[in-house]
Amino acid sequence: LNFLILPLFLLRALTVIDYLTQDKLIAKYGYEAEVHHVTTEDGYILTLHRIRKQGAQPFLLQHGLVDSSAGFVVMGPNVSLAYLLADHNYDVWLGNARGNRYSRNHTTLDPDESKFWDFSWHEIGMYDLPAMIDHVLKVTGFPKLHYGGHSQGCTSFFVMCSMRPAYNEKVISMQAMAPAVYAKETEDHPYIRAISLYFNVSLVFIIQRYFSLIKYLYIYLYPEPRGQLHSRDKMFPVILGHYPAGVAAKQVKHFIQIIKSGRFAPYSYSSNKNMQLYREHLPPRYNLSQVTVPTFVYYSTNDLLCHPHDVEAMCDDLGNVTGKYLVPQKEFNHMDFLWATDVRKMLYRRMLQVLGKLPEDAPEET
């Protein structure tokens, strides 16, 4: 596996805080932190981070592509969603999908071998999320939990509920932020072109502080106009201490298939292999009508990966959409759902209202 290190000037900008693991970062801010491990049906050993609130309703947060549990805590207790939920009396659990820096382990497979990396977000939905949910419910003793996903955290959730519908009954609500599901309208922007080039090189390729890729990620994360990222440039070194967190090439290739085909379906191989696996030349689409969890969707107009038309089409097909919220700021982009300095005002305030933690007529915080 080949790695490129961030340039020295960026490494010098990183501090001890930037490299803290999530449990230490959570504890640093005075919250009770725990680390849990769970093994999936197919042998992957995953890490969950917990902001413990004993006896409180559990809430599982799941990150997006190349991210980790850090996405929900890295901006600190005045911004990040995990702390906000904990402050509103939720027992917050932070998942880490197979392959990221916290879940790079297996009962028999070696992460240095290609077989370990032969998975997509389909397997995350089929195996990782069920294992996490079952563990959280077993530890807490609750029959159901709330779930919040960002980007791929939504993709894998809808895979789970459509392919393993019994899990619909274990989730009270789904808070879907920037759901990367349908992609007919997704533009072929520089990020997609760069990713396509990188992942055509080899079967397995882990994104782990590649400066050349970060250059394209910067274009993707900082589109013009830049959204809220421009107001927190000082946080960029902190973010780079945790992001990217690792990914399998197959995950990215699967997303590219959706973008190019316009079909939300399992991974497509050759026609012959598809016939062996699916008994069809093309994989059958996921049946979103099987997703019966009450789902509230949050999206934005400046999201290059989740076009509003695609999000609205997805909502039409989901089995139980309880509402939609278009962020009322035209510059708000895909990563602003986690990193915008005013994300609590622009987004999370509405989520708390949906969850019943904040009255609809509550005055805005100043």
Protein backbone atom coordinates (compact mmCIF):
# COMPACT_ATOMS: atom_id res chain seq x y z
CA LEU A 1 0.00 0.00 0.00
CA ASN A 2 1.38 3.35 -1.01
CA PHE A 3 1.05 6.47 1.10
CA LEU A 4 1.97 10.05 0.45
CA ILE A 5 2.50 12.32 3.43
CA LEU A 6 1.09 15.80 3.69
CA PRO A 7 3.63 18.52 3.00
CA LEU A 8 5.73 19.66 5.93
CA PHE A 9 4.01 23.01 6.21
CA LEU A 10 0.69 21.28 6.83
CA LEU A 11 2.15 18.79 9.28
CA ARG A 12 3.67 21.65 11.26
CA ALA A 13 0.23 23.24 11.48
CA LEU A 14 -1.23 20.17 13.14
CA THR A 15 -1.37 20.09 16.93
CA VAL A 16 -1.72 17.41 19.54
CA ILE A 17 -5.49 18.01 19.54
CA ASP A 18 -5.63 17.25 15.82
CA TYR A 19 -4.26 13.74 16.39
CA LEU A 20 -6.31 12.78 19.44
CA THR A 21 -8.43 9.68 18.97
CA GLN A 22 -12.15 10.28 19.29
CA ASP A 23 -12.52 8.99 22.83
CA LYS A 24 -9.68 11.24 24.03
CA LEU A 25 -11.06 14.20 22.08
CA ILE A 26 -14.51 13.67 23.60
CA ALA A 27 -13.07 13.31 27.11
CA LYS A 28 -10.97 16.45 26.62
CA TYR A 29 -14.17 18.48 26.46
CA GLY A 30 -15.54 16.99 29.66
CA TYR A 31 -17.88 14.35 28.22
CA GLU A 32 -17.87 10.71 29.35
CA ALA A 33 -16.30 8.70 26.54
CA GLU A 34 -16.22 4.97 25.85
CA VAL A 35 -14.78 2.73 23.15
CA HIS A 36 -16.66 -0.38 22.03
CA HIS A 37 -15.78 -3.09 19.52
CA VAL A 38 -18.18 -5.26 17.56
CA THR A 39 -17.60 -8.06 15.05
CA THR A 40 -19.75 -8.32 11.95
CA GLU A 41 -21.21 -11.51 10.49
CA ASP A 42 -18.42 -11.54 7.91
CA GLY A 43 -15.62 -11.00 10.42
CA TYR A 44 -14.83 -7.27 10.32
CA ILE A 45 -14.00 -5.78 13.71
CA LEU A 46 -15.51 -2.32 14.07
CA THR A 47 -14.99 0.44 16.61
CA LEU A 48 -17.80 2.50 18.08
CA HIS A 49 -17.18 5.64 20.11
CA ARG A 50 -19.73 6.62 22.71
CA ILE A 51 -20.62 9.82 24.54
CA ARG A 52 -22.25 8.05 27.43
CA LYS A 53 -25.51 9.22 28.97
CA GLN A 54 -26.59 6.31 31.11
CA GLY A 55 -30.30 5.62 30.80
CA ALA A 56 -30.81 8.09 27.96
CA GLN A 57 -32.27 7.24 24.55
CA PRO A 58 -29.48 5.93 22.26
CA PHE A 59 -28.69 7.82 19.05
CA LEU A 60 -26.35 6.29 16.46
CA LEU A 61 -24.48 8.60 14.07
CA GLN A 62 -22.83 7.20 10.94
CA HIS A 63 -20.25 9.02 8.83
CA GLY A 64 -19.80 9.42 5.10
CA LEU A 65 -17.18 8.32 2.58
CA VAL A 66 -13.49 8.67 3.64
CA ASP A 67 -14.70 9.96 7.01
CA SER A 68 -14.92 8.47 10.51
CA SER A 69 -16.62 9.14 13.81
CA ALA A 70 -14.45 12.28 13.87
CA GLY A 71 -16.85 13.98 11.47
CA PHE A 72 -19.38 14.43 14.27
CA VAL A 73 -16.97 15.74 16.93
CA VAL A 74 -13.96 17.38 15.26
CA MET A 75 -15.39 20.92 15.25
CA GLY A 76 -15.75 20.89 19.03
CA PRO A 77 -18.62 21.18 21.52
CA ASN A 78 -19.85 24.52 20.18
CA VAL A 79 -20.42 23.20 16.65
CA SER A 80 -20.41 19.40 16.25
CA LEU A 81 -23.63 17.40 16.26
CA ALA A 82 -22.55 14.64 18.67
CA TYR A 83 -22.05 17.07 21.54
CA LEU A 84 -25.31 18.85 20.78
CA LEU A 85 -27.25 15.59 20.97
CA ALA A 86 -25.49 14.64 24.19
CA ASP A 87 -26.38 18.04 25.64
CA HIS A 88 -30.02 17.26 24.80
CA ASN A 89 -29.92 14.02 26.78
CA TYR A 90 -29.13 11.44 24.12
CA ASP A 91 -26.74 8.53 24.65
CA VAL A 92 -24.67 9.18 21.52
CA TRP A 93 -22.92 6.37 19.63
CA LEU A 94 -20.54 7.08 16.75
CA GLY A 95 -20.03 4.33 14.19
CA ASN A 96 -16.92 3.58 12.13
CA ALA A 97 -17.40 1.64 8.92
CA ARG A 98 -15.04 -1.13 7.89
CA GLY A 99 -11.77 0.08 6.43
CA ASN A 100 -11.44 3.43 8.14
CA ARG A 101 -8.63 4.03 10.64
CA TYR A 102 -10.72 2.81 13.59
CA SER A 103 -12.17 -0.29 11.92
CA ARG A 104 -9.23 -1.72 10.03
CA ASN A 105 -9.27 -5.18 11.57
CA HIS A 106 -10.71 -8.62 10.86
CA THR A 107 -10.91 -12.02 12.52
CA THR A 108 -9.00 -13.73 9.69
CA LEU A 109 -8.17 -11.25 6.90
CA ASP A 110 -5.05 -9.07 6.81
CA PRO A 111 -5.63 -5.36 6.02
CA ASP A 112 -2.41 -5.43 3.98
CA GLU A 113 -4.00 -7.90 1.55
CA SER A 114 -6.49 -7.05 -1.18
CA LYS A 115 -9.14 -9.50 0.00
CA PHE A 116 -9.70 -7.39 3.13
CA TRP A 117 -10.66 -4.44 0.90
CA ASP A 118 -13.12 -6.30 -1.30
CA PHE A 119 -16.20 -4.46 -0.08
CA SER A 120 -18.41 -1.51 -0.87
CA TRP A 121 -21.02 0.46 1.06
CA HIS A 122 -23.37 -2.42 0.20
CA GLU A 123 -21.55 -4.56 2.78
CA ILE A 124 -21.53 -1.65 5.24
CA GLY A 125 -25.32 -1.63 4.99
CA MET A 126 -25.69 -5.39 5.03
CA TYR A 127 -23.29 -6.17 7.88
CA ASP A 128 -21.75 -3.15 9.63
CA LEU A 129 -24.88 -1.20 10.51
CA PRO A 130 -26.84 -4.23 11.74
CA ALA A 131 -23.93 -5.24 13.97
CA MET A 132 -23.65 -1.71 15.38
CA ILE A 133 -27.39 -1.38 15.99
CA ASP A 134 -27.62 -4.77 17.69
CA HIS A 135 -24.66 -3.91 19.92
CA VAL A 136 -26.04 -0.51 20.94
CA LEU A 137 -29.44 -1.98 21.79
CA LYS A 138 -27.90 -4.87 23.73
CA VAL A 139 -25.65 -2.59 25.79
CA THR A 140 -28.29 0.04 26.52
CA GLY A 141 -31.28 -2.26 26.93
CA PHE A 142 -33.42 -0.08 24.68
CA PRO A 143 -35.63 -1.73 22.01
CA LYS A 144 -35.01 1.03 19.44
CA LEU A 145 -32.62 3.88 18.65
CA HIS A 146 -32.50 7.07 16.63
CA TYR A 147 -30.15 7.12 13.63
CA GLY A 148 -28.44 10.02 11.91
CA GLY A 149 -26.40 9.63 8.75
CA HIS A 150 -24.30 11.91 6.59
CA SER A 151 -23.79 11.11 2.90
CA GLN A 152 -22.69 7.43 2.73
CA GLY A 153 -24.13 7.04 6.23
CA CYS A 154 -27.51 7.45 4.51
CA THR A 155 -26.60 5.28 1.54
CA SER A 156 -25.70 2.30 3.69
CA PHE A 157 -28.72 2.82 5.95
CA PHE A 158 -31.13 2.61 3.02
CA VAL A 159 -29.31 -0.50 1.79
CA MET A 160 -29.81 -2.09 5.21
CA CYS A 161 -33.50 -1.25 5.47
CA SER A 162 -34.28 -2.36 1.92
CA MET A 163 -32.26 -5.60 2.05
CA ARG A 164 -32.82 -6.46 5.73
CA PRO A 165 -36.23 -4.88 6.42
CA ALA A 166 -36.47 -6.34 9.94
CA TYR A 167 -34.09 -3.55 11.01
CA ASN A 168 -36.75 -0.97 10.21
CA GLU A 169 -38.36 -2.03 13.48
CA LYS A 170 -35.23 -1.20 15.48
CA VAL A 171 -35.03 2.47 14.47
CA ILE A 172 -37.28 5.23 15.81
CA SER A 173 -36.28 7.82 13.22
CA MET A 174 -33.73 8.44 10.50
CA GLN A 175 -32.19 11.92 10.23
CA ALA A 176 -30.76 11.88 6.69
CA MET A 177 -28.19 14.59 5.98
CA ALA A 178 -26.98 15.06 2.40
CA PRO A 179 -28.11 11.54 1.38
CA ALA A 180 -25.87 10.21 -1.39
CA VAL A 181 -28.39 7.88 -3.02
CA TYR A 182 -29.67 9.01 -6.40
CA ALA A 183 -27.15 10.79 -8.64
CA LYS A 184 -28.71 11.43 -12.05
CA GLU A 185 -28.07 15.16 -11.75
CA THR A 186 -24.59 14.96 -10.25
CA GLU A 187 -22.16 17.01 -12.28
CA ASP A 188 -18.85 15.64 -13.53
CA HIS A 189 -16.97 18.10 -11.36
CA PRO A 190 -13.19 18.02 -10.63
CA TYR A 191 -13.60 15.86 -7.54
CA ILE A 192 -15.33 13.08 -9.47
CA ARG A 193 -12.79 13.27 -12.31
CA ALA A 194 -9.90 13.10 -9.86
CA ILE A 195 -11.40 10.19 -7.93
CA SER A 196 -12.08 8.31 -11.18
CA LEU A 197 -8.44 8.65 -12.20
CA TYR A 198 -7.10 7.50 -8.85
CA PHE A 199 -9.36 4.49 -8.55
CA ASN A 200 -8.75 3.22 -12.06
CA VAL A 201 -5.11 2.66 -11.15
CA SER A 202 -5.54 -0.37 -8.88
CA LEU A 203 -8.17 -2.45 -7.16
CA VAL A 204 -7.30 -1.30 -3.66
CA PHE A 205 -6.23 2.26 -2.87
CA ILE A 206 -6.54 3.83 0.56
CA ILE A 207 -6.94 7.58 0.79
CA GLN A 208 -4.73 8.54 3.70
CA ARG A 209 -3.30 12.05 3.63
CA TYR A 210 -2.53 12.19 -0.07
CA PHE A 211 -1.55 15.75 -0.81
CA SER A 212 -2.32 15.47 -4.51
CA LEU A 213 -5.79 14.16 -3.71
CA ILE A 214 -6.25 16.74 -0.97
CA LYS A 215 -5.74 19.37 -3.65
CA TYR A 216 -8.81 18.09 -5.47
CA LEU A 217 -10.70 17.60 -2.22
CA TYR A 218 -10.00 21.25 -1.49
CA ILE A 219 -11.66 22.18 -4.79
CA TYR A 220 -14.59 19.92 -3.90
CA LEU A 221 -14.94 21.09 -0.31
CA TYR A 222 -14.30 24.75 -1.11
CA PRO A 223 -16.38 25.37 -4.22
CA GLU A 224 -17.03 28.94 -5.31
CA PRO A 225 -18.76 30.46 -3.50
CA ARG A 226 -17.07 28.73 -0.60
CA GLY A 227 -20.04 28.38 1.72
CA GLN A 228 -19.18 28.49 5.40
CA LEU A 229 -15.76 26.92 5.07
CA HIS A 230 -14.10 30.27 4.39
CA SER A 231 -14.95 31.44 7.91
CA ARG A 232 -13.03 28.58 9.54
CA ASP A 233 -9.87 28.21 7.47
CA LYS A 234 -8.00 27.97 10.77
CA MET A 235 -9.79 24.66 11.39
CA PHE A 236 -8.55 23.09 8.15
CA PRO A 237 -5.36 21.67 9.75
CA VAL A 238 -7.51 20.21 12.54
CA ILE A 239 -9.81 18.59 10.00
CA LEU A 240 -6.80 17.16 8.12
CA GLY A 241 -5.68 15.52 11.36
CA HIS A 242 -8.73 13.25 11.07
CA TYR A 243 -9.80 13.36 7.42
CA PRO A 244 -9.51 11.43 5.12
CA ALA A 245 -9.76 8.36 7.31
CA GLY A 246 -9.44 5.63 4.67
CA VAL A 247 -11.66 3.91 2.12
CA ALA A 248 -11.77 0.93 -0.19
CA ALA A 249 -11.53 1.57 -3.91
CA LYS A 250 -14.68 -0.46 -4.43
CA GLN A 251 -16.71 1.98 -2.33
CA VAL A 252 -15.75 4.86 -4.59
CA LYS A 253 -16.16 2.83 -7.77
CA HIS A 254 -19.67 1.88 -6.60
CA PHE A 255 -20.58 5.55 -6.19
CA ILE A 256 -19.16 6.29 -9.63
CA GLN A 257 -21.35 3.50 -11.06
CA ILE A 258 -24.43 5.18 -9.58
CA ILE A 259 -23.41 8.56 -10.97
CA LYS A 260 -22.79 7.18 -14.45
CA SER A 261 -25.75 4.76 -14.61
CA GLY A 262 -28.33 6.71 -12.64
CA ARG A 263 -29.31 3.46 -10.88
CA PHE A 264 -29.23 2.95 -7.10
CA ALA A 265 -28.29 -0.71 -7.12
CA PRO A 266 -25.69 -3.17 -5.79
CA TYR A 267 -22.20 -3.26 -7.29
CA SER A 268 -22.11 -4.16 -10.96
CA TYR A 269 -19.47 -6.60 -12.23
CA SER A 270 -19.22 -8.13 -15.68
CA SER A 271 -22.44 -9.28 -17.31
CA ASN A 272 -21.53 -12.92 -16.67
CA LYS A 273 -20.72 -12.36 -12.99
CA ASN A 274 -23.86 -10.28 -12.55
CA MET A 275 -25.88 -13.21 -13.90
CA GLN A 276 -24.20 -15.53 -11.38
CA LEU A 277 -24.79 -13.17 -8.44
CA TYR A 278 -28.09 -11.50 -9.31
CA ARG A 279 -29.52 -13.68 -12.13
CA GLU A 280 -29.74 -10.50 -14.19
CA HIS A 281 -27.31 -8.70 -16.49
CA LEU A 282 -27.63 -5.62 -14.30
CA PRO A 283 -27.99 -5.66 -10.51
CA PRO A 284 -31.61 -5.15 -9.42
CA ARG A 285 -32.31 -1.72 -7.92
CA TYR A 286 -32.66 -1.37 -4.17
CA ASN A 287 -36.34 -1.18 -3.27
CA LEU A 288 -36.58 2.04 -1.25
CA SER A 289 -40.26 1.47 -0.55
CA GLN A 290 -39.03 -1.16 1.94
CA VAL A 291 -37.50 1.64 4.03
CA THR A 292 -40.33 2.22 6.50
CA VAL A 293 -38.36 4.04 9.22
CA PRO A 294 -39.78 7.57 9.66
CA THR A 295 -37.23 9.57 7.69
CA PHE A 296 -36.57 13.30 7.73
CA VAL A 297 -34.28 14.55 4.96
CA TYR A 298 -31.92 17.53 5.05
CA TYR A 299 -30.35 18.80 1.83
CA SER A 300 -28.91 21.91 0.18
CA THR A 301 -28.72 23.62 -3.20
CA ASN A 302 -24.91 23.89 -3.32
CA ASP A 303 -24.23 20.19 -2.71
CA LEU A 304 -22.26 18.93 -5.71
CA LEU A 305 -22.81 15.28 -4.77
CA CYS A 306 -26.49 15.39 -3.80
CA HIS A 307 -28.43 17.51 -6.25
CA PRO A 308 -31.80 18.69 -4.89
CA HIS A 309 -33.64 17.02 -7.79
CA ASP A 310 -32.02 13.69 -6.91
CA VAL A 311 -32.82 14.07 -3.23
CA GLU A 312 -36.45 14.89 -3.98
CA ALA A 313 -36.71 11.90 -6.34
CA MET A 314 -35.30 9.69 -3.58
CA CYS A 315 -37.92 11.06 -1.17
CA ASP A 316 -40.65 10.09 -3.62
CA ASP A 317 -39.44 6.49 -3.55
CA LEU A 318 -38.74 6.07 0.18
CA GLY A 319 -41.41 4.27 2.15
CA ASN A 320 -41.94 6.77 4.98
CA VAL A 321 -40.62 10.31 4.52
CA THR A 322 -41.94 12.50 7.32
CA GLY A 323 -40.48 15.75 6.01
CA LYS A 324 -37.76 17.57 4.08
CA TYR A 325 -35.65 20.58 4.96
CA LEU A 326 -33.76 22.55 2.32
CA VAL A 327 -31.04 24.52 4.11
CA PRO A 328 -31.91 28.21 3.60
CA GLN A 329 -28.47 29.26 2.43
CA LYS A 330 -27.54 28.84 -1.21
CA GLU A 331 -23.80 28.43 -0.49
CA PHE A 332 -24.24 25.53 1.98
CA ASN A 333 -22.30 22.53 0.59
CA HIS A 334 -21.80 18.81 1.19
CA MET A 335 -19.35 19.11 4.09
CA ASP A 336 -21.03 22.13 5.65
CA PHE A 337 -23.50 19.61 7.13
CA LEU A 338 -20.65 18.75 9.53
CA TRP A 339 -18.15 21.58 9.44
CA ALA A 340 -19.95 24.90 8.91
CA THR A 341 -19.36 27.21 11.86
CA ASP A 342 -23.05 28.14 11.89
CA VAL A 343 -24.37 24.64 11.17
CA ARG A 344 -26.31 24.62 14.44
CA LYS A 345 -28.28 27.65 13.35
CA MET A 346 -28.66 26.57 9.73
CA LEU A 347 -29.40 22.87 10.23
CA TYR A 348 -29.17 21.28 13.68
CA ARG A 349 -31.74 23.63 15.19
CA ARG A 350 -34.28 22.24 12.74
CA MET A 351 -33.23 18.69 13.59
CA LEU A 352 -33.83 19.29 17.29
CA GLN A 353 -37.31 20.54 16.41
CA VAL A 354 -37.97 17.41 14.37
CA LEU A 355 -36.78 15.27 17.29
CA GLY A 356 -39.07 17.13 19.69
CA LYS A 357 -36.18 18.57 21.68
CA LEU A 358 -36.90 22.16 20.68
CA PRO A 359 -40.29 23.88 20.22
CA GLU A 360 -41.16 24.94 16.69
CA ASP A 361 -41.47 28.55 17.86
CA ALA A 362 -38.29 28.56 19.95
CA PRO A 363 -36.29 31.80 19.50
CA GLU A 364 -33.02 31.50 17.62
CA GLU A 365 -29.83 31.52 19.63
CA THR A 366 -27.70 34.62 19.22
